[in-house]
C-alpha atoms as a PDB file:
ATOM      1  CA  MET A   1      -0.185  -0.340   0.165  1.00  0.00           C
ATOM      2  CA  LYS A   2       1.329   3.184  -1.286  1.00  0.00           C
ATOM      3  CA  ARG A   3       0.683   6.664  -0.059  1.00  0.00           C
ATOM      4  CA  ALA A   4      -0.075   9.550  -2.249  1.00  0.00           C
ATOM      5  CA  PRO A   5       3.253  10.921  -3.449  1.00  0.00           C
ATOM      6  CA  GLY A   6       4.842  13.950  -1.437  1.00  0.00           C
ATOM      7  CA  ALA A   7       2.702  12.079   1.853  1.00  0.00           C
ATOM      8  CA  LEU A   8       6.240  11.521   3.668  1.00  0.00           C
ATOM      9  CA  GLY A   9       9.596  10.856   1.760  1.00  0.00           C
ATOM     10  CA  VAL A  10      12.645  13.021   1.980  1.00  0.00           C
ATOM     11  CA  PRO A  11      11.954  13.793   5.663  1.00  0.00           C
ATOM     12  CA  LEU A  12      11.385  10.342   6.747  1.00  0.00           C
ATOM     13  CA  VAL A  13      14.384   9.197   4.736  1.00  0.00           C
ATOM     14  CA  ASP A  14      16.602  11.753   5.960  1.00  0.00           C
ATOM     15  CA  ALA A  15      15.328  10.955   9.479  1.00  0.00           C
ATOM     16  CA  ILE A  16      16.210   7.608   9.026  1.00  0.00           C
ATOM     17  CA  ILE A  17      19.648   8.390   7.559  1.00  0.00           C
ATOM     18  CA  ALA A  18      20.391  10.108  10.802  1.00  0.00           C
ATOM     19  CA  GLY A  19      19.067   7.257  12.878  1.00  0.00           C
ATOM     20  CA  VAL A  20      21.300   4.606  11.175  1.00  0.00           C
ATOM     21  CA  GLN A  21      24.344   7.391  11.560  1.00  0.00           C
ATOM     22  CA  GLU A  22      23.631   8.046  14.762  1.00  0.00           C
ATOM     23  CA  VAL A  23      24.876   4.500  16.059  1.00  0.00           C
ATOM     24  CA  LYS A  24      27.940   3.851  13.271  1.00  0.00           C
ATOM     25  CA  GLY A  25      25.685   2.052  10.795  1.00  0.00           C
ATOM     26  CA  LYS A  26      28.029   1.269   7.975  1.00  0.00           C
ATOM     27  CA  ASP A  27      27.642   1.385   4.153  1.00  0.00           C
ATOM     28  CA  ILE A  28      24.232   3.427   4.302  1.00  0.00           C
ATOM     29  CA  VAL A  29      22.853   3.458   0.751  1.00  0.00           C
ATOM     30  CA  HIS A  30      19.118   4.830  -0.085  1.00  0.00           C
ATOM     31  CA  LEU A  31      17.409   3.796  -2.970  1.00  0.00           C
ATOM     32  CA  ASP A  32      14.817   5.966  -4.667  1.00  0.00           C
ATOM     33  CA  LEU A  33      12.426   3.464  -6.166  1.00  0.00           C
ATOM     34  CA  ARG A  34       9.670   5.857  -7.198  1.00  0.00           C
ATOM     35  CA  GLY A  35      11.139   5.439 -11.096  1.00  0.00           C
ATOM     36  CA  VAL A  36      11.109   2.107 -10.944  1.00  0.00           C
ATOM     37  CA  PRO A  37       8.028   0.416 -12.249  1.00  0.00           C
ATOM     38  CA  ASN A  38       5.702  -1.636  -9.620  1.00  0.00           C
ATOM     39  CA  THR A  39       7.488  -1.287  -6.773  1.00  0.00           C
ATOM     40  CA  VAL A  40       5.832  -1.904  -3.226  1.00  0.00           C
ATOM     41  CA  CYS A  41       7.234   1.107  -1.759  1.00  0.00           C
ATOM     42  CA  ASP A  42       9.021   4.401  -2.848  1.00  0.00           C
ATOM     43  CA  HIS A  43      12.677   4.010  -0.763  1.00  0.00           C
ATOM     44  CA  PHE A  44      14.908   1.669   0.432  1.00  0.00           C
ATOM     45  CA  ILE A  45      17.599   2.456   2.801  1.00  0.00           C
ATOM     46  CA  ILE A  46      20.091  -0.402   3.437  1.00  0.00           C
ATOM     47  CA  CYS A  47      23.157  -0.592   6.201  1.00  0.00           C
ATOM     48  CA  HIS A  48      24.594  -3.025   8.044  1.00  0.00           C
ATOM     49  CA  GLY A  49      25.877  -3.719  11.508  1.00  0.00           C
ATOM     50  CA  ASP A  50      29.256  -5.694  12.523  1.00  0.00           C
ATOM     51  CA  SER A  51      27.497  -7.424  15.435  1.00  0.00           C
ATOM     52  CA  ASP A  52      24.147  -8.612  16.290  1.00  0.00           C
ATOM     53  CA  ARG A  53      24.217  -5.895  18.784  1.00  0.00           C
ATOM     54  CA  GLN A  54      25.092  -3.389  16.623  1.00  0.00           C
ATOM     55  CA  VAL A  55      22.331  -4.587  14.045  1.00  0.00           C
ATOM     56  CA  GLU A  56      19.674  -3.878  17.228  1.00  0.00           C
ATOM     57  CA  SER A  57      20.997  -0.797  18.111  1.00  0.00           C
ATOM     58  CA  ILE A  58      20.662   0.632  14.405  1.00  0.00           C
ATOM     59  CA  ALA A  59      16.855  -0.343  14.505  1.00  0.00           C
ATOM     60  CA  GLY A  60      16.293   1.277  17.654  1.00  0.00           C
ATOM     61  CA  SER A  61      18.199   4.499  16.645  1.00  0.00           C
ATOM     62  CA  VAL A  62      16.101   4.520  13.517  1.00  0.00           C
ATOM     63  CA  GLU A  63      12.867   4.046  15.448  1.00  0.00           C
ATOM     64  CA  LYS A  64      13.787   6.846  17.799  1.00  0.00           C
ATOM     65  CA  VAL A  65      15.070   9.611  15.199  1.00  0.00           C
ATOM     66  CA  ALA A  66      11.740   8.846  12.875  1.00  0.00           C
ATOM     67  CA  ARG A  67       9.482   8.955  16.078  1.00  0.00           C
ATOM     68  CA  GLU A  68      11.483  12.383  17.147  1.00  0.00           C
ATOM     69  CA  ARG A  69      11.856  14.195  13.654  1.00  0.00           C
ATOM     70  CA  THR A  70       8.690  12.926  11.698  1.00  0.00           C
ATOM     71  CA  GLY A  71       6.424  11.452  14.611  1.00  0.00           C
ATOM     72  CA  GLU A  72       6.199   8.341  12.301  1.00  0.00           C
ATOM     73  CA  ARG A  73       6.472   4.767  13.661  1.00  0.00           C
ATOM     74  CA  PRO A  74       7.060   1.557  11.758  1.00  0.00           C
ATOM     75  CA  TRP A  75       4.161   0.010  10.633  1.00  0.00           C
ATOM     76  CA  HIS A  76       5.786  -3.426  10.663  1.00  0.00           C
ATOM     77  CA  VAL A  77       9.113  -5.011  12.013  1.00  0.00           C
ATOM     78  CA  GLU A  78      10.404  -8.273  11.095  1.00  0.00           C
ATOM     79  CA  GLY A  79      13.768  -9.497  12.064  1.00  0.00           C
ATOM     80  CA  ILE A  80      14.477  -8.164  15.716  1.00  0.00           C
ATOM     81  CA  GLN A  81      15.120 -11.298  17.789  1.00  0.00           C
ATOM     82  CA  ILE A  82      17.525 -12.681  15.169  1.00  0.00           C
ATOM     83  CA  ALA A  83      19.583  -9.637  14.234  1.00  0.00           C
ATOM     84  CA  GLU A  84      20.687 -10.937  10.842  1.00  0.00           C
ATOM     85  CA  TRP A  85      18.185  -8.827   8.645  1.00  0.00           C
ATOM     86  CA  VAL A  86      16.068  -6.494  10.082  1.00  0.00           C
ATOM     87  CA  LEU A  87      13.208  -4.962   7.894  1.00  0.00           C
ATOM     88  CA  MET A  88      11.263  -1.898   9.088  1.00  0.00           C
ATOM     89  CA  ASP A  89       8.168  -0.993   7.066  1.00  0.00           C
ATOM     90  CA  TYR A  90       7.603   2.781   7.292  1.00  0.00           C
ATOM     91  CA  VAL A  91       4.952   2.034   4.034  1.00  0.00           C
ATOM     92  CA  ASP A  92       6.821   4.639   1.738  1.00  0.00           C
ATOM     93  CA  VAL A  93      10.130   3.677   3.038  1.00  0.00           C
ATOM     94  CA  VAL A  94      11.362   0.425   3.566  1.00  0.00           C
ATOM     95  CA  VAL A  95      14.769   0.204   6.191  1.00  0.00           C
ATOM     96  CA  HIS A  96      16.956  -2.977   5.582  1.00  0.00           C
ATOM     97  CA  ILE A  97      19.452  -3.448   8.133  1.00  0.00           C
ATOM     98  CA  PHE A  98      21.514  -6.350   8.050  1.00  0.00           C
ATOM     99  CA  HIS A  99      24.502  -8.147   9.493  1.00  0.00           C
ATOM    100  CA  ARG A 100      27.594  -7.928   7.652  1.00  0.00           C
ATOM    101  CA  ASP A 101      27.603 -11.349   5.845  1.00  0.00           C
ATOM    102  CA  LYS A 102      23.578 -11.218   5.326  1.00  0.00           C
ATOM    103  CA  ARG A 103      24.064  -8.171   3.340  1.00  0.00           C
ATOM    104  CA  SER A 104      26.129  -9.421   0.649  1.00  0.00           C
ATOM    105  CA  TYR A 105      24.644 -12.528   0.359  1.00  0.00           C
ATOM    106  CA  TYR A 106      21.325 -11.440  -0.269  1.00  0.00           C
ATOM    107  CA  ALA A 107      22.606  -8.156  -2.532  1.00  0.00           C
ATOM    108  CA  ILE A 108      19.201  -5.890  -2.287  1.00  0.00           C
ATOM    109  CA  GLU A 109      21.198  -3.195  -4.171  1.00  0.00           C
ATOM    110  CA  GLU A 110      21.926  -5.584  -6.996  1.00  0.00           C
ATOM    111  CA  LEU A 111      18.486  -6.710  -7.224  1.00  0.00           C
ATOM    112  CA  TRP A 112      17.064  -2.899  -7.503  1.00  0.00           C
ATOM    113  CA  ALA A 113      19.845  -1.841  -9.729  1.00  0.00           C
ATOM    114  CA  ASP A 114      17.577   0.413 -11.760  1.00  0.00           C
ATOM    115  CA  ALA A 115      16.683   2.427  -8.798  1.00  0.00           C
ATOM    116  CA  VAL A 116      18.408   5.898  -8.242  1.00  0.00           C
ATOM    117  CA  SER A 117      20.794   5.101  -5.497  1.00  0.00           C
ATOM    118  CA  ARG A 118      22.630   7.613  -2.980  1.00  0.00           C
ATOM    119  CA  ARG A 119      25.499   6.554  -0.661  1.00  0.00           C
ATOM    120  CA  TYR A 120      25.865   8.360   2.502  1.00  0.00           C
ATOM    121  CA  GLU A 121      28.906   8.894   5.243  1.00  0.00           C
ATOM    122  CA  ASN A 122      29.566   6.420   7.692  1.00  0.00           C
ATOM    123  CA  VAL A 123      29.527   9.066  10.520  1.00  0.00           C
ATOM    124  CA  ALA A 124      28.310   9.396  14.036  1.00  0.00           C
END
């Protein structure tokens, strides 16, 4: 279920990126899917952590910063118990937080290579 264009978008993406950066998430990529036909959302944010604990921390930080800056909460969260691949669904924006090994295995960036991508600095 996609929202109307402009209903959220960039402010939520910016908040999510800030949440990832706050706890030093690695190799942050934003895939803008709005120009790709038949997608389930408008944006993917992809990053990884080096440990289960860091993956959990990234998810917690994303949820906190997104809520503080935009008032948004994820509609659904999966994978937090195992912390190998946490998926946070904000309807228009889906966040993929991987453990390093799982990210290369699933290669989401390659699956969505038609999307416009932007990489972000790994800063705190």
